Amino acid sequence: MALIEVKHVTKHFGEKVALDDVSIDIPEGKIFGLLGPNGAGKSTLIRIINRITMATAGEVWFNGRPITDDDVAHIGYLPEERGLYRKMKVGDQAMYLAQLRGMSSRDAARALKDWFVRFGIQDWWNKKVEELSKGMAQKVQFITTVVHKPSLMILDEPFSGFDPVNADLIRKEILRLKEEGATIILSTHNMESVEELCDEIALINKARLVVTGGTDDIRHRFGEDNVEIEYTEDFVRKTEVLSREKAPARLTELIEGGIRINAYRELVPRMNDIFIKLVTETEGEGK
C-alpha cells in the first residue's frame, strides 16, 4: 500500500517549470530514495508533500486521501538547510521543537532523554546551540525530526557533515526506524547509502520523472546482462567477462579442461553508474 501518492504533480514558478507531470507512489513501511542532480525538482516535490508550497496542478494523497494541513503533524522533515536557534540551550531547543510537533512536556522530556543517551550526547543538554560543532548540531536536529514518531520521515541529505562513525550511526537509526514501521523518504547524492538503505527509488531530472521502481530491479534493468567467471589455471588466478548467453559454454569448456572455478557472478551496475548514465542521457535530450 502506498502511504504517499504523488499524482501528476506540476509546479511552475513564473516561467520556470520545477516539476512536470510527476507521479510517484511511496510504499508504506519502506525507505524510498528520491534522487536527482541539483536543481532537478526534488526539493520542490518535498516542499509540496510537506505543504510548504502548493502544486500548480496535480495532487498528493496521504494514506488513501488528499493530504491536508493536519496530516503534516504525522511528517518529520529534516531539511537540507539546517536551522536551530543558536542562543538557546540544546535541551530547551529540543523540548520546544518536540512540543511544537504535538508532544506533551512530559513525553517530550522522556523521549528526548532516551535519544540523547542513545546518541551519547546527554552532556549537551545545557549547552548553547552555538557551542556545538556542525555535526553535533545535526545530531540534535535529526533527533528533533524523529522524536514524535511520525509515520512519514523526510530526510534531505541526512549524512551531510558527519564523519564515517556518526554517518554509520545515522544509517543504523534509519534502519531501526523502518523496522518500527516508519516510512522514510531519503533524498541524497550518496549512492552507496541508496544501495544500502533504499527499497525503492525515483530519479528526477529537469523537472521530470526519469525512472522509478525497486532498487534491485532497476540495477538489473540497466545491466548489460554480463557475468564474470573467476578461475585458477596453472596456479594463476584469472577472470573473464562474458555475456550470459555465452557463459554456459565457457564454463563447460573450463570444467572439462580440469580448470578450477573459483567464482561465477552476475555483473550488476552500481546505482552511481546508473545515476550518471540516466542523468547524462536526459541532459543530452534537452540540448
C-alpha atoms as a PDB file:
ATOM      1  CA  MET A   1       0.000   0.000   0.000  1.00  0.00           C
ATOM      2  CA  ALA A   2       1.233   3.492  -0.861  1.00  0.00           C
ATOM      3  CA  LEU A   3       1.402   5.915   2.064  1.00  0.00           C
ATOM      4  CA  ILE A   4       2.117   8.825  -0.298  1.00  0.00           C
ATOM      5  CA  GLU A   5       0.727   9.061  -3.834  1.00  0.00           C
ATOM      6  CA  VAL A   6       2.040  11.879  -5.992  1.00  0.00           C
ATOM      7  CA  LYS A   7      -0.461  12.231  -8.836  1.00  0.00           C
ATOM      8  CA  HIS A   8       0.524  14.172 -11.963  1.00  0.00           C
ATOM      9  CA  VAL A   9       2.110  16.986  -9.965  1.00  0.00           C
ATOM     10  CA  THR A  10       3.284  20.056 -11.870  1.00  0.00           C
ATOM     11  CA  LYS A  11       4.810  23.167 -10.337  1.00  0.00           C
ATOM     12  CA  HIS A  12       5.555  26.458 -12.077  1.00  0.00           C
ATOM     13  CA  PHE A  13       7.499  29.387 -10.657  1.00  0.00           C
ATOM     14  CA  GLY A  14       6.631  32.021 -13.194  1.00  0.00           C
ATOM     15  CA  GLU A  15       8.065  30.783 -16.488  1.00  0.00           C
ATOM     16  CA  LYS A  16      10.213  28.150 -14.805  1.00  0.00           C
ATOM     17  CA  VAL A  17       8.867  24.581 -14.656  1.00  0.00           C
ATOM     18  CA  ALA A  18      10.123  22.972 -11.438  1.00  0.00           C
ATOM     19  CA  LEU A  19       8.065  19.774 -11.783  1.00  0.00           C
ATOM     20  CA  ASP A  20       6.422  18.477 -14.935  1.00  0.00           C
ATOM     21  CA  ASP A  21       3.621  15.901 -14.524  1.00  0.00           C
ATOM     22  CA  VAL A  22       5.392  13.777 -11.880  1.00  0.00           C
ATOM     23  CA  SER A  23       3.620  10.679 -10.499  1.00  0.00           C
ATOM     24  CA  ILE A  24       5.213   8.556  -7.755  1.00  0.00           C
ATOM     25  CA  ASP A  25       3.886   6.006  -5.255  1.00  0.00           C
ATOM     26  CA  ILE A  26       5.804   5.789  -1.968  1.00  0.00           C
ATOM     27  CA  PRO A  27       5.042   2.480  -0.230  1.00  0.00           C
ATOM     28  CA  GLU A  28       4.249   2.310   3.463  1.00  0.00           C
ATOM     29  CA  GLY A  29       6.980   0.994   5.756  1.00  0.00           C
ATOM     30  CA  LYS A  30       9.761   1.310   3.170  1.00  0.00           C
ATOM     31  CA  ILE A  31      12.775   3.545   2.592  1.00  0.00           C
ATOM     32  CA  PHE A  32      12.251   5.446  -0.642  1.00  0.00           C
ATOM     33  CA  GLY A  33      15.185   7.188  -2.305  1.00  0.00           C
ATOM     34  CA  LEU A  34      14.439  10.483  -4.018  1.00  0.00           C
ATOM     35  CA  LEU A  35      17.352  11.102  -6.372  1.00  0.00           C
ATOM     36  CA  GLY A  36      18.432  13.688  -8.881  1.00  0.00           C
ATOM     37  CA  PRO A  37      21.098  16.308  -9.574  1.00  0.00           C
ATOM     38  CA  ASN A  38      20.938  19.762  -8.025  1.00  0.00           C
ATOM     39  CA  GLY A  39      18.042  21.760  -9.415  1.00  0.00           C
ATOM     40  CA  ALA A  40      16.188  18.688 -10.684  1.00  0.00           C
ATOM     41  CA  GLY A  41      12.993  19.337  -8.699  1.00  0.00           C
ATOM     42  CA  LYS A  42      13.484  17.097  -5.636  1.00  0.00           C
ATOM     43  CA  SER A  43      13.303  19.895  -3.075  1.00  0.00           C
ATOM     44  CA  THR A  44      10.205  21.327  -4.735  1.00  0.00           C
ATOM     45  CA  LEU A  45       8.475  17.946  -4.513  1.00  0.00           C
ATOM     46  CA  ILE A  46       9.459  17.591  -0.850  1.00  0.00           C
ATOM     47  CA  ARG A  47       8.020  21.040  -0.096  1.00  0.00           C
ATOM     48  CA  ILE A  48       4.780  20.139  -1.862  1.00  0.00           C
ATOM     49  CA  ILE A  49       4.455  16.920   0.162  1.00  0.00           C
ATOM     50  CA  ASN A  50       5.047  18.992   3.315  1.00  0.00           C
ATOM     51  CA  ARG A  51       2.508  21.593   2.123  1.00  0.00           C
ATOM     52  CA  ILE A  52       5.125  24.320   2.400  1.00  0.00           C
ATOM     53  CA  THR A  53       4.209  25.191  -1.182  1.00  0.00           C
ATOM     54  CA  MET A  54       1.264  24.138  -3.319  1.00  0.00           C
ATOM     55  CA  ALA A  55       1.325  22.339  -6.664  1.00  0.00           C
ATOM     56  CA  THR A  56       0.265  24.231  -9.774  1.00  0.00           C
ATOM     57  CA  ALA A  57      -1.540  21.093 -10.911  1.00  0.00           C
ATOM     58  CA  GLY A  58      -1.972  17.539  -9.661  1.00  0.00           C
ATOM     59  CA  GLU A  59      -2.446  16.156  -6.151  1.00  0.00           C
ATOM     60  CA  VAL A  60      -0.615  14.498  -3.283  1.00  0.00           C
ATOM     61  CA  TRP A  61      -2.528  11.826  -1.363  1.00  0.00           C
ATOM     62  CA  PHE A  62      -1.655  10.691   2.146  1.00  0.00           C
ATOM     63  CA  ASN A  63      -2.892   7.329   3.411  1.00  0.00           C
ATOM     64  CA  GLY A  64      -5.515   6.982   0.697  1.00  0.00           C
ATOM     65  CA  ARG A  65      -6.908  10.543   0.584  1.00  0.00           C
ATOM     66  CA  PRO A  66      -5.837  14.056  -0.429  1.00  0.00           C
ATOM     67  CA  ILE A  67      -3.253  15.350   2.034  1.00  0.00           C
ATOM     68  CA  THR A  68      -4.338  18.115   4.433  1.00  0.00           C
ATOM     69  CA  ASP A  69      -2.566  20.530   6.767  1.00  0.00           C
ATOM     70  CA  ASP A  70      -3.489  18.255   9.697  1.00  0.00           C
ATOM     71  CA  ASP A  71      -1.532  15.398   8.092  1.00  0.00           C
ATOM     72  CA  VAL A  72       1.687  17.417   8.340  1.00  0.00           C
ATOM     73  CA  ALA A  73       1.711  16.602  12.078  1.00  0.00           C
ATOM     74  CA  HIS A  74       2.451  12.999  11.032  1.00  0.00           C
ATOM     75  CA  ILE A  75       5.507  14.046   8.992  1.00  0.00           C
ATOM     76  CA  GLY A  76       9.018  14.539  10.331  1.00  0.00           C
ATOM     77  CA  TYR A  77      11.066  16.739   7.992  1.00  0.00           C
ATOM     78  CA  LEU A  78      14.843  17.176   8.145  1.00  0.00           C
ATOM     79  CA  PRO A  79      15.633  19.886   5.565  1.00  0.00           C
ATOM     80  CA  GLU A  80      19.000  20.164   3.864  1.00  0.00           C
ATOM     81  CA  GLU A  81      19.208  23.735   5.144  1.00  0.00           C
ATOM     82  CA  ARG A  82      19.671  23.030   8.860  1.00  0.00           C
ATOM     83  CA  GLY A  83      18.392  25.578  11.372  1.00  0.00           C
ATOM     84  CA  LEU A  84      18.467  25.760  15.169  1.00  0.00           C
ATOM     85  CA  TYR A  85      18.238  28.817  17.406  1.00  0.00           C
ATOM     86  CA  ARG A  86      21.880  29.416  18.238  1.00  0.00           C
ATOM     87  CA  LYS A  87      21.362  31.261  21.533  1.00  0.00           C
ATOM     88  CA  MET A  88      19.032  28.643  23.048  1.00  0.00           C
ATOM     89  CA  LYS A  89      20.201  25.770  25.189  1.00  0.00           C
ATOM     90  CA  VAL A  90      20.161  22.435  23.384  1.00  0.00           C
ATOM     91  CA  GLY A  91      17.635  20.846  25.770  1.00  0.00           C
ATOM     92  CA  ASP A  92      15.298  23.847  25.630  1.00  0.00           C
ATOM     93  CA  GLN A  93      15.507  23.870  21.836  1.00  0.00           C
ATOM     94  CA  ALA A  94      14.760  20.154  21.588  1.00  0.00           C
ATOM     95  CA  MET A  95      11.844  20.443  24.029  1.00  0.00           C
ATOM     96  CA  TYR A  96      10.399  23.390  22.106  1.00  0.00           C
ATOM     97  CA  LEU A  97      10.510  21.555  18.764  1.00  0.00           C
ATOM     98  CA  ALA A  98       9.105  18.322  20.232  1.00  0.00           C
ATOM     99  CA  GLN A  99       6.163  20.184  21.785  1.00  0.00           C
ATOM    100  CA  LEU A 100       5.663  22.110  18.548  1.00  0.00           C
ATOM    101  CA  ARG A 101       5.118  18.696  16.950  1.00  0.00           C
ATOM    102  CA  GLY A 102       2.355  17.832  19.407  1.00  0.00           C
ATOM    103  CA  MET A 103       4.177  16.077  22.254  1.00  0.00           C
ATOM    104  CA  SER A 104       3.356  16.823  25.884  1.00  0.00           C
ATOM    105  CA  SER A 105       6.155  18.252  28.021  1.00  0.00           C
ATOM    106  CA  ARG A 106       6.410  15.012  29.970  1.00  0.00           C
ATOM    107  CA  ASP A 107       6.501  12.732  26.912  1.00  0.00           C
ATOM    108  CA  ALA A 108       8.946  15.021  25.122  1.00  0.00           C
ATOM    109  CA  ALA A 109      11.372  15.083  28.053  1.00  0.00           C
ATOM    110  CA  ARG A 110      11.295  11.298  28.419  1.00  0.00           C
ATOM    111  CA  ALA A 111      11.735  10.594  24.688  1.00  0.00           C
ATOM    112  CA  LEU A 112      14.445  13.213  24.212  1.00  0.00           C
ATOM    113  CA  LYS A 113      16.476  11.946  27.170  1.00  0.00           C
ATOM    114  CA  ASP A 114      16.334   8.436  25.663  1.00  0.00           C
ATOM    115  CA  TRP A 115      17.513   9.743  22.285  1.00  0.00           C
ATOM    116  CA  PHE A 116      20.282  11.843  23.829  1.00  0.00           C
ATOM    117  CA  VAL A 117      21.587   8.789  25.688  1.00  0.00           C
ATOM    118  CA  ARG A 118      21.375   6.661  22.526  1.00  0.00           C
ATOM    119  CA  PHE A 119      23.452   9.225  20.649  1.00  0.00           C
ATOM    120  CA  GLY A 120      25.861   9.730  23.550  1.00  0.00           C
ATOM    121  CA  ILE A 121      25.055  13.448  23.836  1.00  0.00           C
ATOM    122  CA  GLN A 122      23.362  13.609  27.251  1.00  0.00           C
ATOM    123  CA  ASP A 123      26.038  16.073  28.429  1.00  0.00           C
ATOM    124  CA  TRP A 124      24.956  18.577  25.773  1.00  0.00           C
ATOM    125  CA  TRP A 125      21.514  19.271  27.284  1.00  0.00           C
ATOM    126  CA  ASN A 126      22.504  22.539  28.967  1.00  0.00           C
ATOM    127  CA  LYS A 127      24.963  23.760  26.327  1.00  0.00           C
ATOM    128  CA  LYS A 128      24.001  26.521  23.929  1.00  0.00           C
ATOM    129  CA  VAL A 129      23.477  25.528  20.315  1.00  0.00           C
ATOM    130  CA  GLU A 130      26.214  27.959  19.236  1.00  0.00           C
ATOM    131  CA  GLU A 131      28.737  25.876  21.218  1.00  0.00           C
ATOM    132  CA  LEU A 132      28.086  22.795  19.078  1.00  0.00           C
ATOM    133  CA  SER A 133      30.027  21.718  16.019  1.00  0.00           C
ATOM    134  CA  LYS A 134      28.117  21.297  12.768  1.00  0.00           C
ATOM    135  CA  GLY A 135      27.954  17.530  13.229  1.00  0.00           C
ATOM    136  CA  MET A 136      26.802  17.827  16.838  1.00  0.00           C
ATOM    137  CA  ALA A 137      24.041  20.268  15.850  1.00  0.00           C
ATOM    138  CA  GLN A 138      22.919  17.908  13.097  1.00  0.00           C
ATOM    139  CA  LYS A 139      22.565  15.085  15.616  1.00  0.00           C
ATOM    140  CA  VAL A 140      20.228  17.299  17.637  1.00  0.00           C
ATOM    141  CA  GLN A 141      18.222  18.217  14.547  1.00  0.00           C
ATOM    142  CA  PHE A 142      17.912  14.576  13.482  1.00  0.00           C
ATOM    143  CA  ILE A 143      16.566  13.723  16.946  1.00  0.00           C
ATOM    144  CA  THR A 144      14.009  16.544  16.857  1.00  0.00           C
ATOM    145  CA  THR A 145      12.864  15.358  13.415  1.00  0.00           C
ATOM    146  CA  VAL A 146      12.006  11.827  14.544  1.00  0.00           C
ATOM    147  CA  VAL A 147      11.302  12.143  18.287  1.00  0.00           C
ATOM    148  CA  HIS A 148       7.500  12.387  17.863  1.00  0.00           C
ATOM    149  CA  LYS A 149       7.476   9.085  15.925  1.00  0.00           C
ATOM    150  CA  PRO A 150       5.953  10.412  12.693  1.00  0.00           C
ATOM    151  CA  SER A 151       4.563   7.860  10.264  1.00  0.00           C
ATOM    152  CA  LEU A 152       6.447   9.600   7.420  1.00  0.00           C
ATOM    153  CA  MET A 153      10.005  10.912   7.741  1.00  0.00           C
ATOM    154  CA  ILE A 154      11.565  13.039   5.005  1.00  0.00           C
ATOM    155  CA  LEU A 155      15.346  13.205   5.376  1.00  0.00           C
ATOM    156  CA  ASP A 156      17.156  15.556   2.997  1.00  0.00           C
ATOM    157  CA  GLU A 157      20.905  14.745   2.885  1.00  0.00           C
ATOM    158  CA  PRO A 158      20.893  13.317   6.441  1.00  0.00           C
ATOM    159  CA  PHE A 159      24.579  12.249   6.275  1.00  0.00           C
ATOM    160  CA  SER A 160      25.921  15.657   5.255  1.00  0.00           C
ATOM    161  CA  GLY A 161      28.620  16.892   7.636  1.00  0.00           C
ATOM    162  CA  PHE A 162      29.018  13.625   9.529  1.00  0.00           C
ATOM    163  CA  ASP A 163      32.248  11.691   9.908  1.00  0.00           C
ATOM    164  CA  PRO A 164      32.091   7.969   8.949  1.00  0.00           C
ATOM    165  CA  VAL A 165      31.374   6.832  12.518  1.00  0.00           C
ATOM    166  CA  ASN A 166      28.434   9.166  13.005  1.00  0.00           C
ATOM    167  CA  ALA A 167      27.161   8.596   9.458  1.00  0.00           C
ATOM    168  CA  ASP A 168      27.031   4.886  10.300  1.00  0.00           C
ATOM    169  CA  LEU A 169      25.126   5.702  13.498  1.00  0.00           C
ATOM    170  CA  ILE A 170      22.517   7.609  11.493  1.00  0.00           C
ATOM    171  CA  ARG A 171      22.239   4.757   8.951  1.00  0.00           C
ATOM    172  CA  LYS A 172      21.557   2.267  11.741  1.00  0.00           C
ATOM    173  CA  GLU A 173      18.936   4.550  13.274  1.00  0.00           C
ATOM    174  CA  ILE A 174      17.201   4.948   9.896  1.00  0.00           C
ATOM    175  CA  LEU A 175      17.022   1.162   9.533  1.00  0.00           C
ATOM    176  CA  ARG A 176      15.737   0.816  13.102  1.00  0.00           C
ATOM    177  CA  LEU A 177      13.009   3.402  12.449  1.00  0.00           C
ATOM    178  CA  LYS A 178      11.986   1.463   9.336  1.00  0.00           C
ATOM    179  CA  GLU A 179      11.794  -1.751  11.367  1.00  0.00           C
ATOM    180  CA  GLU A 180       9.479   0.063  13.773  1.00  0.00           C
ATOM    181  CA  GLY A 181       7.112   0.830  10.887  1.00  0.00           C
ATOM    182  CA  ALA A 182       8.125   4.292   9.668  1.00  0.00           C
ATOM    183  CA  THR A 183       8.010   5.255   6.006  1.00  0.00           C
ATOM    184  CA  ILE A 184      11.130   7.197   5.058  1.00  0.00           C
ATOM    185  CA  ILE A 185      11.859   9.404   2.055  1.00  0.00           C
ATOM    186  CA  LEU A 186      15.625   9.711   1.710  1.00  0.00           C
ATOM    187  CA  SER A 187      16.906  12.484  -0.547  1.00  0.00           C
ATOM    188  CA  THR A 188      20.641  12.101  -1.054  1.00  0.00           C
ATOM    189  CA  HIS A 189      23.522  12.211  -3.535  1.00  0.00           C
ATOM    190  CA  ASN A 190      25.245   9.361  -1.675  1.00  0.00           C
ATOM    191  CA  MET A 191      24.635   6.386  -3.965  1.00  0.00           C
ATOM    192  CA  GLU A 192      26.301   3.976  -1.532  1.00  0.00           C
ATOM    193  CA  SER A 193      23.639   4.855   1.031  1.00  0.00           C
ATOM    194  CA  VAL A 194      20.938   4.385  -1.600  1.00  0.00           C
ATOM    195  CA  GLU A 195      22.119   0.844  -2.332  1.00  0.00           C
ATOM    196  CA  GLU A 196      22.446   0.029   1.351  1.00  0.00           C
ATOM    197  CA  LEU A 197      19.187   1.548   2.606  1.00  0.00           C
ATOM    198  CA  CYS A 198      16.585   2.105  -0.110  1.00  0.00           C
ATOM    199  CA  ASP A 199      13.900  -0.392  -1.106  1.00  0.00           C
ATOM    200  CA  GLU A 200      12.680   1.757  -3.994  1.00  0.00           C
ATOM    201  CA  ILE A 201      13.831   4.933  -5.711  1.00  0.00           C
ATOM    202  CA  ALA A 202      12.674   7.657  -8.047  1.00  0.00           C
ATOM    203  CA  LEU A 203      15.095   9.666 -10.181  1.00  0.00           C
ATOM    204  CA  ILE A 204      14.032  13.157 -11.218  1.00  0.00           C
ATOM    205  CA  ASN A 205      15.937  15.306 -13.681  1.00  0.00           C
ATOM    206  CA  LYS A 206      14.973  18.558 -15.384  1.00  0.00           C
ATOM    207  CA  ALA A 207      11.612  18.546 -13.570  1.00  0.00           C
ATOM    208  CA  ARG A 208      10.556  15.159 -14.979  1.00  0.00           C
ATOM    209  CA  LEU A 209      10.462  11.642 -13.597  1.00  0.00           C
ATOM    210  CA  VAL A 210      13.183   9.605 -15.310  1.00  0.00           C
ATOM    211  CA  VAL A 211      12.754   6.220 -13.632  1.00  0.00           C
ATOM    212  CA  THR A 212      11.120   4.713 -10.551  1.00  0.00           C
ATOM    213  CA  GLY A 213      10.970   1.214  -9.081  1.00  0.00           C
ATOM    214  CA  GLY A 214      12.683  -1.261  -6.794  1.00  0.00           C
ATOM    215  CA  THR A 215      16.406  -0.658  -6.297  1.00  0.00           C
ATOM    216  CA  ASP A 216      17.394  -4.211  -7.254  1.00  0.00           C
ATOM    217  CA  ASP A 217      15.026  -4.244 -10.230  1.00  0.00           C
ATOM    218  CA  ILE A 218      16.491  -1.004 -11.578  1.00  0.00           C
ATOM    219  CA  ARG A 219      20.062  -2.242 -11.155  1.00  0.00           C
ATOM    220  CA  HIS A 220      19.225  -5.390 -13.122  1.00  0.00           C
ATOM    221  CA  ARG A 221      17.199  -3.477 -15.722  1.00  0.00           C
ATOM    222  CA  PHE A 222      20.156  -1.292 -16.609  1.00  0.00           C
ATOM    223  CA  GLY A 223      22.756  -4.035 -16.516  1.00  0.00           C
ATOM    224  CA  GLU A 224      24.387  -5.379 -19.658  1.00  0.00           C
ATOM    225  CA  ASP A 225      23.497  -8.991 -18.795  1.00  0.00           C
ATOM    226  CA  ASN A 226      27.136  -9.962 -18.338  1.00  0.00           C
ATOM    227  CA  VAL A 227      28.713 -12.430 -15.929  1.00  0.00           C
ATOM    228  CA  GLU A 228      32.212 -12.857 -14.570  1.00  0.00           C
ATOM    229  CA  ILE A 229      33.971 -16.187 -14.288  1.00  0.00           C
ATOM    230  CA  GLU A 230      36.941 -16.408 -11.951  1.00  0.00           C
ATOM    231  CA  TYR A 231      39.167 -19.486 -12.214  1.00  0.00           C
ATOM    232  CA  THR A 232      42.667 -20.772 -11.499  1.00  0.00           C
ATOM    233  CA  GLU A 233      44.782 -22.096 -14.378  1.00  0.00           C
ATOM    234  CA  ASP A 234      48.418 -23.151 -13.971  1.00  0.00           C
ATOM    235  CA  PHE A 235      48.385 -21.669 -10.451  1.00  0.00           C
ATOM    236  CA  VAL A 236      47.366 -18.273 -11.847  1.00  0.00           C
ATOM    237  CA  ARG A 237      44.047 -16.665 -10.888  1.00  0.00           C
ATOM    238  CA  LYS A 238      42.188 -15.355 -13.951  1.00  0.00           C
ATOM    239  CA  THR A 239      38.852 -13.676 -14.696  1.00  0.00           C
ATOM    240  CA  GLU A 240      36.736 -13.458 -17.821  1.00  0.00           C
ATOM    241  CA  VAL A 241      33.679 -11.299 -18.523  1.00  0.00           C
ATOM    242  CA  LEU A 242      31.176 -12.826 -20.930  1.00  0.00           C
ATOM    243  CA  SER A 243      27.572 -12.352 -21.938  1.00  0.00           C
ATOM    244  CA  ARG A 244      25.139 -14.547 -20.027  1.00  0.00           C
ATOM    245  CA  GLU A 245      24.377 -16.327 -23.294  1.00  0.00           C
ATOM    246  CA  LYS A 246      27.999 -17.405 -23.856  1.00  0.00           C
ATOM    247  CA  ALA A 247      28.853 -18.181 -20.237  1.00  0.00           C
ATOM    248  CA  PRO A 248      27.478 -21.780 -20.006  1.00  0.00           C
ATOM    249  CA  ALA A 249      29.568 -22.994 -22.940  1.00  0.00           C
ATOM    250  CA  ARG A 250      32.710 -21.391 -21.497  1.00  0.00           C
ATOM    251  CA  LEU A 251      32.024 -22.882 -18.060  1.00  0.00           C
ATOM    252  CA  THR A 252      31.640 -26.329 -19.597  1.00  0.00           C
ATOM    253  CA  GLU A 253      34.865 -25.879 -21.512  1.00  0.00           C
ATOM    254  CA  LEU A 254      36.796 -24.883 -18.388  1.00  0.00           C
ATOM    255  CA  ILE A 255      35.377 -27.673 -16.228  1.00  0.00           C
ATOM    256  CA  GLU A 256      36.040 -30.337 -18.880  1.00  0.00           C
ATOM    257  CA  GLY A 257      39.591 -28.993 -19.127  1.00  0.00           C
ATOM    258  CA  GLY A 258      40.100 -29.636 -15.426  1.00  0.00           C
ATOM    259  CA  ILE A 259      40.187 -25.946 -14.566  1.00  0.00           C
ATOM    260  CA  ARG A 260      39.158 -24.980 -11.044  1.00  0.00           C
ATOM    261  CA  ILE A 261      36.260 -22.490 -10.981  1.00  0.00           C
ATOM    262  CA  ASN A 262      36.578 -20.072  -8.060  1.00  0.00           C
ATOM    263  CA  ALA A 263      33.562 -17.852  -8.658  1.00  0.00           C
ATOM    264  CA  TYR A 264      30.726 -17.192 -11.069  1.00  0.00           C
ATOM    265  CA  ARG A 265      28.912 -13.896 -10.535  1.00  0.00           C
ATOM    266  CA  GLU A 266      26.406 -11.673 -12.272  1.00  0.00           C
ATOM    267  CA  LEU A 267      27.740  -8.198 -13.028  1.00  0.00           C
ATOM    268  CA  VAL A 268      25.142  -5.716 -11.819  1.00  0.00           C
ATOM    269  CA  PRO A 269      25.838  -1.980 -12.233  1.00  0.00           C
ATOM    270  CA  ARG A 270      26.156   0.260  -9.212  1.00  0.00           C
ATOM    271  CA  MET A 271      23.487   2.878  -8.567  1.00  0.00           C
ATOM    272  CA  ASN A 272      26.127   5.560  -9.052  1.00  0.00           C
ATOM    273  CA  ASP A 273      26.778   4.345 -12.615  1.00  0.00           C
ATOM    274  CA  ILE A 274      23.056   4.205 -13.373  1.00  0.00           C
ATOM    275  CA  PHE A 275      22.556   7.696 -11.945  1.00  0.00           C
ATOM    276  CA  ILE A 276      25.297   9.140 -14.137  1.00  0.00           C
ATOM    277  CA  LYS A 277      24.051   7.282 -17.232  1.00  0.00           C
ATOM    278  CA  LEU A 278      20.409   8.375 -16.899  1.00  0.00           C
ATOM    279  CA  VAL A 279      21.175  11.967 -15.948  1.00  0.00           C
ATOM    280  CA  THR A 280      23.653  12.278 -18.819  1.00  0.00           C
ATOM    281  CA  GLU A 281      21.104  10.864 -21.279  1.00  0.00           C
ATOM    282  CA  THR A 282      18.344  13.210 -20.147  1.00  0.00           C
ATOM    283  CA  GLU A 283      20.714  16.173 -20.216  1.00  0.00           C
ATOM    284  CA  GLY A 284      21.507  15.262 -23.816  1.00  0.00           C
ATOM    285  CA  GLU A 285      17.808  15.094 -24.732  1.00  0.00           C
ATOM    286  CA  GLY A 286      17.380  18.668 -23.610  1.00  0.00           C
ATOM    287  CA  LYS A 287      20.037  20.054 -25.965  1.00  0.00           C
END
